[in-house]
Amino acid sequence: MLLKASILVLVTVISVLLLEKSSKRWIQTLLNWFPAILFAYVIPAIVTHTFKLDLSTVELHSWSKDYIIPFAILMVMSALSFKQLRIIGLRPIILFVIGSFAIAILAPLLLLLFNVFTPEFNDLLIVEEHWKGLVPIVGSWIGGSTSQLVLKELVECPEGLFLTILVLDNILVNIWTILMFQLIKKSDNLNNYFGIKDLVPDFVKDENAFDTFSVKSISITVVVSIVLIFGIGFLIQSFLWKIIAFSIIGLLIGNLVKKWNHALVLKLGGLSIICIMAILGLKLNFNNLSMPLKLVLFVVIWLISHFVIMMFAAKKMKLHMAWVPIASMANLGGISTAPAVTAAYNKEWMPHAILLAILSMVSGTFWGMLTIYLFGLF
């Protein structure tokens, strides 16, 4: 199974790279609606679904978590300069926090609103205690699987309900990822529509001069990266602390090592993201399970409301509309998909998506506890 999974991931990565470089008009038209990097997510899922393969437990997933994701973090973060952070400012972080706050409080508020018109949702969520399944969704959306499991235990969510929530969450996040890929490509049009002139310049000015870099520059970058990946990976076992450590180290070496090849690490970071998406696609399951329709409707309205609030906040702050899908995916998609969605617009913004995703990982449990408190008022 490991060999099959590895071959499938390799073929997927090569296919995505070929799609990105294709100049055929019909392919470019297709990519305008379905970005090439998203094929990395769905190709493995289509293959596994068609041939009835279960590749969700192969060792590639642990390798991705232990090595490929940290490598991608190190590459992308080391392409970020402190000057970039000063240019970007606090507004994207504020937008992200608004998105997290909306996720945490909207479920109880929507229940209050629905109770004005019908008691059915109160019966489902409060009387039948389905609200206990909504709390792990907050943890999943904002903090990821770790926060999700912590909040499941905190709220004592029943196993049957938790399984339903896992399936619903997986389906909605997959659909949302596709929508955000499409939206970020339209962000310039949205800027024009709303009269937003918030432009962010290119940061890696040497990107087009990649071939002019010396062998010494490339060698230093590659060797230092490999040593750090295995050295830090051996010393730190916690995934969260590993991500934080590689992010900080990446920032430092990207700004302090004079021979650091920023163009190379940006390209390697983009390649790593494609690989991570392909491995994630091995877990994507198209099979649907039955679940309460009212619960599905409630969660969909909850998700859309979160997005509308972020759009309104970005408009009020005159913030580039690309930050809306980036901040939304940092909340809902996390450390893997947020930079992937960002890459569909501008690969040089990926470090910022990772910074927001890290904030999400750190704060998810806190926001879930706020949701528990609000539901407790009922």
Protein backbone atom coordinates (compact mmCIF):
# COMPACT_ATOMS: atom_id res chain seq x y z
CA MET A 1 0.00 0.00 0.00
CA LEU A 2 2.86 2.37 0.80
CA LEU A 3 4.36 1.84 -2.66
CA LYS A 4 1.00 2.45 -4.35
CA ALA A 5 0.45 5.60 -2.30
CA SER A 6 3.95 6.90 -3.07
CA ILE A 7 3.53 6.29 -6.81
CA LEU A 8 0.12 7.96 -6.79
CA VAL A 9 1.49 11.02 -4.98
CA LEU A 10 4.48 11.25 -7.35
CA VAL A 11 2.28 10.97 -10.46
CA THR A 12 -0.08 13.59 -8.98
CA VAL A 13 2.71 16.08 -8.28
CA ILE A 14 4.15 15.66 -11.78
CA SER A 15 0.68 16.06 -13.31
CA VAL A 16 0.05 19.27 -11.36
CA LEU A 17 3.42 20.72 -12.40
CA LEU A 18 2.70 19.89 -16.05
CA LEU A 19 -0.73 21.50 -15.78
CA GLU A 20 0.78 24.68 -14.32
CA LYS A 21 3.23 24.97 -17.22
CA SER A 22 0.75 24.11 -19.98
CA SER A 23 0.01 26.91 -22.45
CA LYS A 24 -3.02 25.23 -24.06
CA ARG A 25 -6.03 27.52 -24.05
CA TRP A 26 -8.56 24.94 -22.83
CA ILE A 27 -6.30 23.98 -19.95
CA GLN A 28 -5.81 27.62 -18.97
CA THR A 29 -9.58 28.11 -19.08
CA LEU A 30 -10.02 25.08 -16.84
CA LEU A 31 -7.38 26.36 -14.41
CA ASN A 32 -9.19 29.67 -14.12
CA TRP A 33 -12.02 27.78 -12.43
CA PHE A 34 -10.13 24.89 -10.88
CA PRO A 35 -6.55 25.86 -9.91
CA ALA A 36 -3.82 23.36 -10.72
CA ILE A 37 -2.83 22.88 -7.09
CA LEU A 38 -6.36 21.73 -6.28
CA PHE A 39 -5.87 18.81 -8.68
CA ALA A 40 -3.25 17.60 -6.20
CA TYR A 41 -6.08 17.21 -3.72
CA VAL A 42 -8.71 15.53 -5.89
CA ILE A 43 -6.65 13.28 -8.21
CA PRO A 44 -5.60 10.89 -5.39
CA ALA A 45 -9.17 10.92 -4.06
CA ILE A 46 -10.61 10.04 -7.47
CA VAL A 47 -8.11 7.19 -7.93
CA THR A 48 -8.66 5.73 -4.45
CA HIS A 49 -12.44 6.02 -4.82
CA THR A 50 -12.48 4.46 -8.31
CA PHE A 51 -10.26 1.50 -7.44
CA LYS A 52 -11.61 1.09 -3.87
CA LEU A 53 -8.23 1.72 -2.29
CA ASP A 54 -7.89 2.64 1.38
CA LEU A 55 -4.73 4.72 1.62
CA SER A 56 -5.82 6.77 4.63
CA THR A 57 -3.50 4.97 7.04
CA VAL A 58 -0.32 4.53 5.00
CA GLU A 59 2.92 5.74 6.54
CA LEU A 60 3.11 8.63 4.07
CA HIS A 61 0.73 10.59 6.30
CA SER A 62 3.07 10.41 9.30
CA TRP A 63 6.04 11.25 7.06
CA SER A 64 4.17 14.26 5.78
CA LYS A 65 3.45 15.45 9.31
CA ASP A 66 6.95 14.74 10.61
CA TYR A 67 9.06 15.93 7.68
CA ILE A 68 7.27 17.37 4.63
CA ILE A 69 5.06 19.88 6.43
CA PRO A 70 7.97 21.12 8.64
CA PHE A 71 10.12 21.37 5.49
CA ALA A 72 7.41 23.40 3.75
CA ILE A 73 7.11 25.67 6.80
CA LEU A 74 10.88 26.20 6.92
CA MET A 75 11.07 26.94 3.20
CA VAL A 76 8.14 29.33 3.08
CA MET A 77 8.96 31.16 6.31
CA SER A 78 12.60 31.64 5.33
CA ALA A 79 11.36 33.43 2.21
CA LEU A 80 9.69 36.02 4.44
CA SER A 81 11.54 39.18 5.36
CA PHE A 82 10.87 41.39 8.37
CA LYS A 83 10.28 44.16 5.86
CA GLN A 84 7.32 42.17 4.54
CA LEU A 85 5.78 42.01 8.00
CA ARG A 86 6.04 45.79 8.37
CA ILE A 87 4.43 46.32 4.98
CA ILE A 88 1.54 43.94 5.66
CA GLY A 89 0.71 45.43 9.07
CA LEU A 90 -1.88 44.33 11.61
CA ARG A 91 -5.03 44.44 9.50
CA PRO A 92 -4.84 40.85 8.16
CA ILE A 93 -4.34 39.62 11.73
CA ILE A 94 -7.33 41.68 12.88
CA LEU A 95 -9.39 40.19 10.06
CA PHE A 96 -8.30 36.70 11.08
CA VAL A 97 -9.24 37.29 14.73
CA ILE A 98 -12.64 38.63 13.65
CA GLY A 99 -13.15 35.42 11.65
CA SER A 100 -12.21 33.27 14.67
CA PHE A 101 -14.46 35.28 16.98
CA ALA A 102 -17.34 34.92 14.53
CA ILE A 103 -16.93 31.14 14.40
CA ALA A 104 -16.91 30.92 18.21
CA ILE A 105 -20.02 33.03 18.90
CA LEU A 106 -22.17 32.50 15.80
CA ALA A 107 -23.50 29.04 16.69
CA PRO A 108 -25.14 30.19 19.97
CA LEU A 109 -26.30 33.46 18.38
CA LEU A 110 -27.84 31.68 15.39
CA LEU A 111 -29.67 29.35 17.75
CA LEU A 112 -31.12 32.38 19.56
CA LEU A 113 -32.22 33.84 16.23
CA PHE A 114 -33.79 30.59 15.00
CA ASN A 115 -35.68 30.19 18.28
CA VAL A 116 -37.61 33.36 17.42
CA PHE A 117 -39.16 31.59 14.41
CA THR A 118 -39.19 27.90 15.32
CA PRO A 119 -38.39 25.69 18.34
CA GLU A 120 -37.16 22.84 16.15
CA PHE A 121 -33.49 23.86 16.25
CA ASN A 122 -33.68 24.32 20.03
CA ASP A 123 -35.06 20.77 20.32
CA LEU A 124 -32.28 19.41 18.10
CA LEU A 125 -29.35 21.29 19.60
CA ILE A 126 -30.31 21.76 23.25
CA VAL A 127 -32.89 19.10 24.12
CA GLU A 128 -31.17 16.37 22.08
CA GLU A 129 -27.75 17.86 22.99
CA HIS A 130 -26.45 18.07 19.42
CA TRP A 131 -24.75 21.32 20.46
CA LYS A 132 -22.04 19.10 21.93
CA GLY A 133 -21.12 18.21 18.37
CA LEU A 134 -20.85 21.85 17.33
CA VAL A 135 -18.12 22.58 19.87
CA PRO A 136 -15.60 20.15 18.28
CA ILE A 137 -16.39 21.85 14.94
CA VAL A 138 -15.14 25.13 16.45
CA GLY A 139 -11.97 23.33 17.50
CA SER A 140 -11.56 21.71 14.09
CA TRP A 141 -12.18 24.91 12.13
CA ILE A 142 -9.93 27.14 14.20
CA GLY A 143 -7.39 24.92 15.93
CA GLY A 144 -7.29 21.69 13.92
CA SER A 145 -7.55 18.07 15.03
CA THR A 146 -5.77 18.63 18.36
CA SER A 147 -8.22 21.30 19.52
CA GLN A 148 -11.09 19.24 18.11
CA LEU A 149 -10.21 16.22 20.26
CA VAL A 150 -9.56 18.32 23.37
CA LEU A 151 -12.94 20.06 23.05
CA LYS A 152 -14.67 16.73 22.36
CA GLU A 153 -13.47 15.51 25.73
CA LEU A 154 -14.24 18.81 27.48
CA VAL A 155 -17.85 18.79 26.30
CA GLU A 156 -18.22 14.98 26.52
CA CYS A 157 -19.49 14.65 22.96
CA PRO A 158 -21.00 11.17 22.32
CA GLU A 159 -19.04 8.98 19.90
CA GLY A 160 -21.93 8.55 17.44
CA LEU A 161 -22.52 12.30 17.22
CA PHE A 162 -18.77 12.91 16.93
CA LEU A 163 -18.55 10.56 13.93
CA THR A 164 -21.42 12.43 12.23
CA ILE A 165 -19.68 15.74 12.90
CA LEU A 166 -16.38 14.43 11.50
CA VAL A 167 -18.07 13.44 8.22
CA LEU A 168 -20.02 16.71 7.94
CA ASP A 169 -16.93 18.76 8.80
CA ASN A 170 -14.82 16.91 6.23
CA ILE A 171 -17.38 17.44 3.44
CA LEU A 172 -17.92 21.14 4.18
CA VAL A 173 -14.23 21.98 4.52
CA ASN A 174 -13.49 20.20 1.21
CA ILE A 175 -16.22 22.21 -0.53
CA TRP A 176 -15.11 25.40 1.19
CA THR A 177 -11.52 24.85 0.06
CA ILE A 178 -12.67 24.63 -3.57
CA LEU A 179 -14.73 27.82 -3.17
CA MET A 180 -11.84 29.72 -1.57
CA PHE A 181 -9.50 28.64 -4.38
CA GLN A 182 -11.92 30.20 -6.81
CA LEU A 183 -12.62 33.30 -4.74
CA ILE A 184 -8.98 34.26 -4.22
CA LYS A 185 -8.48 34.30 -7.98
CA LYS A 186 -11.32 36.85 -8.21
CA SER A 187 -10.01 39.05 -5.38
CA ASP A 188 -8.70 41.76 -7.70
CA ASN A 189 -12.16 42.03 -9.26
CA LEU A 190 -13.66 42.32 -5.79
CA ASN A 191 -11.18 45.08 -4.95
CA ASN A 192 -12.32 47.01 -8.01
CA TYR A 193 -15.99 46.44 -7.16
CA PHE A 194 -15.60 47.69 -3.59
CA GLY A 195 -13.18 50.47 -4.54
CA ILE A 196 -10.31 48.99 -2.51
CA LYS A 197 -6.83 50.11 -3.60
CA ASP A 198 -4.83 48.12 -1.03
CA LEU A 199 -1.99 46.77 -3.17
CA VAL A 200 0.89 44.70 -1.80
CA PRO A 201 4.11 44.73 -3.86
CA ASP A 202 6.17 41.69 -4.79
CA PHE A 203 8.71 40.89 -2.11
CA VAL A 204 11.08 38.34 -3.63
CA LYS A 205 12.52 40.59 -6.30
CA ASP A 206 15.14 38.03 -7.26
CA GLU A 207 12.53 35.37 -8.11
CA ASN A 208 12.88 35.87 -11.86
CA ALA A 209 16.66 35.77 -11.56
CA PHE A 210 16.66 32.28 -10.04
CA ASP A 211 19.09 30.87 -12.59
CA THR A 212 21.73 33.48 -11.78
CA PHE A 213 22.29 32.24 -8.24
CA SER A 214 25.63 30.69 -7.46
CA VAL A 215 26.18 27.05 -6.57
CA LYS A 216 27.42 28.23 -3.16
CA SER A 217 24.14 29.98 -2.41
CA ILE A 218 22.10 26.95 -3.41
CA SER A 219 24.38 24.55 -1.50
CA ILE A 220 24.22 26.56 1.73
CA THR A 221 20.43 26.74 1.53
CA VAL A 222 19.94 23.02 0.84
CA VAL A 223 22.47 21.73 3.40
CA VAL A 224 21.28 24.00 6.21
CA SER A 225 17.65 23.06 5.49
CA ILE A 226 18.33 19.31 5.61
CA VAL A 227 20.32 19.58 8.85
CA LEU A 228 17.57 21.63 10.48
CA ILE A 229 14.76 19.32 9.38
CA PHE A 230 16.34 16.21 10.88
CA GLY A 231 18.00 17.98 13.83
CA ILE A 232 14.96 19.91 15.05
CA GLY A 233 12.67 17.02 14.13
CA PHE A 234 14.68 14.73 16.42
CA LEU A 235 14.72 17.20 19.33
CA ILE A 236 11.07 18.30 19.22
CA GLN A 237 8.26 15.73 19.12
CA SER A 238 5.18 17.96 19.50
CA PHE A 239 3.78 18.91 16.09
CA LEU A 240 2.63 22.33 17.27
CA TRP A 241 5.97 23.23 18.84
CA LYS A 242 7.78 21.82 15.83
CA ILE A 243 5.81 24.14 13.52
CA ILE A 244 6.44 27.13 15.78
CA ALA A 245 10.18 26.31 16.00
CA PHE A 246 10.58 25.95 12.22
CA SER A 247 8.65 29.16 11.66
CA ILE A 248 10.88 31.15 14.01
CA ILE A 249 14.08 29.55 12.70
CA GLY A 250 12.94 30.11 9.12
CA LEU A 251 12.35 33.79 9.80
CA LEU A 252 15.78 34.16 11.42
CA ILE A 253 17.87 32.39 8.79
CA GLY A 254 15.92 34.03 5.96
CA ASN A 255 16.84 37.44 7.32
CA LEU A 256 20.28 36.81 8.88
CA VAL A 257 22.03 34.40 6.46
CA LYS A 258 23.39 36.57 3.66
CA LYS A 259 23.73 33.74 1.14
CA TRP A 260 20.24 32.43 1.77
CA ASN A 261 18.52 31.76 -1.56
CA HIS A 262 15.05 33.26 -1.14
CA ALA A 263 13.93 32.40 -4.66
CA LEU A 264 14.93 28.74 -4.23
CA VAL A 265 13.13 28.27 -0.91
CA LEU A 266 10.00 29.90 -2.32
CA LYS A 267 9.97 27.40 -5.20
CA LEU A 268 10.69 24.46 -2.88
CA GLY A 269 7.97 25.66 -0.54
CA GLY A 270 5.44 25.72 -3.38
CA LEU A 271 6.50 22.22 -4.47
CA SER A 272 6.16 20.94 -0.90
CA ILE A 273 2.65 22.36 -0.62
CA ILE A 274 1.64 20.43 -3.75
CA CYS A 275 3.08 17.25 -2.24
CA ILE A 276 1.24 17.82 1.06
CA MET A 277 -2.03 18.40 -0.76
CA ALA A 278 -1.55 15.16 -2.72
CA ILE A 279 -0.96 13.20 0.49
CA LEU A 280 -4.02 14.81 2.10
CA GLY A 281 -6.00 13.74 -0.96
CA LEU A 282 -5.30 10.11 -0.10
CA LYS A 283 -7.65 10.55 2.88
CA LEU A 284 -10.43 12.34 0.99
CA ASN A 285 -13.53 10.15 0.97
CA PHE A 286 -16.42 10.91 -1.39
CA ASN A 287 -18.80 8.55 0.36
CA ASN A 288 -21.62 10.31 2.16
CA LEU A 289 -23.30 9.33 5.39
CA SER A 290 -26.83 10.16 6.52
CA MET A 291 -27.14 12.92 9.09
CA PRO A 292 -29.84 15.28 10.38
CA LEU A 293 -30.74 17.73 7.61
CA LYS A 294 -31.39 20.52 10.12
CA LEU A 295 -27.92 20.04 11.58
CA VAL A 296 -26.39 20.29 8.09
CA LEU A 297 -28.42 23.42 7.35
CA PHE A 298 -27.41 25.01 10.64
CA VAL A 299 -23.69 24.40 10.08
CA VAL A 300 -23.86 25.67 6.47
CA ILE A 301 -25.54 28.91 7.60
CA TRP A 302 -22.95 29.19 10.36
CA LEU A 303 -20.10 28.86 7.86
CA ILE A 304 -21.56 31.32 5.36
CA SER A 305 -22.25 33.85 8.14
CA HIS A 306 -18.60 33.66 9.19
CA PHE A 307 -17.58 34.50 5.62
CA VAL A 308 -20.04 37.39 5.27
CA ILE A 309 -18.74 38.95 8.49
CA MET A 310 -15.15 38.70 7.24
CA MET A 311 -16.09 40.26 3.90
CA PHE A 312 -17.80 43.14 5.70
CA ALA A 313 -14.79 43.64 8.01
CA ALA A 314 -12.33 43.62 5.09
CA LYS A 315 -14.43 46.17 3.23
CA LYS A 316 -14.59 48.44 6.27
CA MET A 317 -10.82 48.21 6.76
CA LYS A 318 -10.20 48.74 3.00
CA LEU A 319 -8.15 45.54 3.11
CA HIS A 320 -7.17 43.60 -0.02
CA MET A 321 -9.95 41.05 -0.60
CA ALA A 322 -7.42 38.23 -1.07
CA TRP A 323 -7.00 38.29 2.70
CA VAL A 324 -10.59 37.10 3.18
CA PRO A 325 -10.08 33.59 1.70
CA ILE A 326 -6.57 33.47 3.19
CA ALA A 327 -7.80 34.28 6.71
CA SER A 328 -10.84 32.03 6.29
CA MET A 329 -8.69 29.07 5.24
CA ALA A 330 -6.20 29.81 8.04
CA ASN A 331 -9.20 29.32 10.32
CA LEU A 332 -10.88 26.40 8.58
CA GLY A 333 -8.09 24.74 6.61
CA GLY A 334 -5.06 25.26 8.78
CA ILE A 335 -1.37 24.84 8.16
CA SER A 336 -1.70 22.74 4.99
CA THR A 337 -4.47 24.27 2.91
CA ALA A 338 -4.13 27.96 3.86
CA PRO A 339 -0.80 28.41 2.04
CA ALA A 340 -2.10 26.24 -0.84
CA VAL A 341 -5.06 28.57 -1.38
CA THR A 342 -2.73 31.56 -1.03
CA ALA A 343 -0.39 30.15 -3.67
CA ALA A 344 -3.25 30.27 -6.18
CA TYR A 345 -3.02 34.07 -5.92
CA ASN A 346 0.56 34.90 -4.97
CA LYS A 347 3.12 32.41 -3.66
CA GLU A 348 4.98 35.20 -1.88
CA TRP A 349 2.03 35.63 0.46
CA MET A 350 2.29 32.03 1.71
CA PRO A 351 4.37 32.93 4.81
CA HIS A 352 1.57 35.19 6.00
CA ALA A 353 -0.97 32.42 5.55
CA ILE A 354 1.25 30.17 7.67
CA LEU A 355 1.54 32.83 10.39
CA LEU A 356 -2.25 33.08 10.53
CA ALA A 357 -2.61 29.28 10.54
CA ILE A 358 -0.20 29.07 13.49
CA LEU A 359 -2.32 31.61 15.37
CA SER A 360 -5.26 29.37 14.57
CA MET A 361 -3.54 26.26 15.96
CA VAL A 362 -2.62 28.07 19.16
CA SER A 363 -6.01 29.69 19.81
CA GLY A 364 -8.50 27.00 18.72
CA THR A 365 -9.11 25.47 22.15
CA PHE A 366 -9.69 28.91 23.71
CA TRP A 367 -12.37 29.82 21.16
CA GLY A 368 -14.04 26.45 21.67
CA MET A 369 -14.20 27.06 25.42
CA LEU A 370 -15.92 30.39 24.70
CA THR A 371 -18.51 28.52 22.62
CA ILE A 372 -19.05 26.05 25.48
CA TYR A 373 -19.61 28.95 27.87
CA LEU A 374 -22.15 30.60 25.54
CA PHE A 375 -24.07 27.37 25.00
CA GLY A 376 -23.99 26.88 28.77
CA LEU A 377 -26.10 30.00 29.12
CA PHE A 378 -28.98 28.07 27.51
